[in-house]
């Protein structure tokens, strides 16, 4: 299945020492916050794999 970035993606953003992972799945957005960049990266990696996006550039 061809994933469209606006409908399915995983993004990480840092704001004031917090790391936010935004998961867009079939156009629905969910956001999870982390204090640790490593924890955010691990979570994002797992979500990319779950959504079949692991082949895309992180």
C-alpha atoms as a PDB file:
ATOM      1  CA  UNK A   1       0.000   0.000   0.000  1.00  0.00           C
ATOM      2  CA  UNK A   2       1.307   3.438  -0.907  1.00  0.00           C
ATOM      3  CA  UNK A   3       1.444   5.619   2.228  1.00  0.00           C
ATOM      4  CA  UNK A   4       0.676   9.289   1.697  1.00  0.00           C
ATOM      5  CA  UNK A   5       2.693  11.559   4.070  1.00  0.00           C
ATOM      6  CA  UNK A   6      -0.277  13.765   4.928  1.00  0.00           C
ATOM      7  CA  UNK A   7      -2.306  10.707   5.956  1.00  0.00           C
ATOM      8  CA  UNK A   8       0.346   8.525   7.604  1.00  0.00           C
ATOM      9  CA  UNK A   9       3.616   9.758   9.095  1.00  0.00           C
ATOM     10  CA  UNK A  10       5.736   9.955  12.238  1.00  0.00           C
ATOM     11  CA  UNK A  11       7.509  13.185  13.167  1.00  0.00           C
ATOM     12  CA  UNK A  12       9.653  14.309  16.105  1.00  0.00           C
ATOM     13  CA  UNK A  13       9.875  17.877  17.312  1.00  0.00           C
ATOM     14  CA  UNK A  14      11.684  19.428  20.282  1.00  0.00           C
ATOM     15  CA  UNK A  15      10.096  22.309  22.187  1.00  0.00           C
ATOM     16  CA  UNK A  16      11.623  23.696  25.392  1.00  0.00           C
ATOM     17  CA  UNK A  17      13.486  20.517  26.399  1.00  0.00           C
ATOM     18  CA  UNK A  18      10.497  18.276  25.622  1.00  0.00           C
ATOM     19  CA  UNK A  19      10.441  15.909  22.655  1.00  0.00           C
ATOM     20  CA  UNK A  20       7.106  15.369  20.946  1.00  0.00           C
ATOM     21  CA  UNK A  21       6.309  12.486  18.617  1.00  0.00           C
ATOM     22  CA  UNK A  22       3.421  13.231  16.296  1.00  0.00           C
ATOM     23  CA  UNK A  23       1.873  10.147  14.716  1.00  0.00           C
ATOM     24  CA  UNK A  24      -0.522  10.659  11.833  1.00  0.00           C
ATOM     25  CA  UNK A  25      -2.370   7.446  11.030  1.00  0.00           C
ATOM     26  CA  UNK A  26      -5.011   7.534   8.302  1.00  0.00           C
ATOM     27  CA  UNK A  27      -5.289  11.296   8.831  1.00  0.00           C
ATOM     28  CA  UNK A  28      -5.784  11.028  12.613  1.00  0.00           C
ATOM     29  CA  UNK A  29      -3.152  12.830  14.708  1.00  0.00           C
ATOM     30  CA  UNK A  30      -1.890  11.695  18.102  1.00  0.00           C
ATOM     31  CA  UNK A  31       0.952  13.295  20.055  1.00  0.00           C
ATOM     32  CA  UNK A  32       3.088  11.789  22.805  1.00  0.00           C
ATOM     33  CA  UNK A  33       5.634  13.767  24.829  1.00  0.00           C
ATOM     34  CA  UNK A  34       8.985  12.630  26.211  1.00  0.00           C
ATOM     35  CA  UNK A  35      11.652  14.281  28.342  1.00  0.00           C
ATOM     36  CA  UNK A  36      14.354  12.089  26.787  1.00  0.00           C
ATOM     37  CA  UNK A  37      15.327  12.408  23.115  1.00  0.00           C
ATOM     38  CA  UNK A  38      16.340   8.748  23.144  1.00  0.00           C
ATOM     39  CA  UNK A  39      12.932   7.650  24.393  1.00  0.00           C
ATOM     40  CA  UNK A  40      11.230   9.766  21.724  1.00  0.00           C
ATOM     41  CA  UNK A  41      13.441   8.274  19.013  1.00  0.00           C
ATOM     42  CA  UNK A  42      12.775   4.730  20.216  1.00  0.00           C
ATOM     43  CA  UNK A  43       9.025   5.313  20.271  1.00  0.00           C
ATOM     44  CA  UNK A  44       9.074   6.969  16.836  1.00  0.00           C
ATOM     45  CA  UNK A  45      11.128   4.113  15.373  1.00  0.00           C
ATOM     46  CA  UNK A  46       8.607   1.576  16.695  1.00  0.00           C
ATOM     47  CA  UNK A  47       5.677   3.561  15.304  1.00  0.00           C
ATOM     48  CA  UNK A  48       7.356   3.846  11.893  1.00  0.00           C
ATOM     49  CA  UNK A  49       7.846   0.074  11.850  1.00  0.00           C
ATOM     50  CA  UNK A  50       4.256  -0.546  12.967  1.00  0.00           C
ATOM     51  CA  UNK A  51       2.913   1.713  10.226  1.00  0.00           C
ATOM     52  CA  UNK A  52       5.200   0.270   7.557  1.00  0.00           C
ATOM     53  CA  UNK A  53       7.197   3.485   7.259  1.00  0.00           C
ATOM     54  CA  UNK A  54      10.513   2.094   8.513  1.00  0.00           C
ATOM     55  CA  UNK A  55      12.003   2.224   5.011  1.00  0.00           C
ATOM     56  CA  UNK A  56      11.583   6.015   4.924  1.00  0.00           C
ATOM     57  CA  UNK A  57      14.289   8.456   5.994  1.00  0.00           C
ATOM     58  CA  UNK A  58      14.035   9.339   9.716  1.00  0.00           C
END
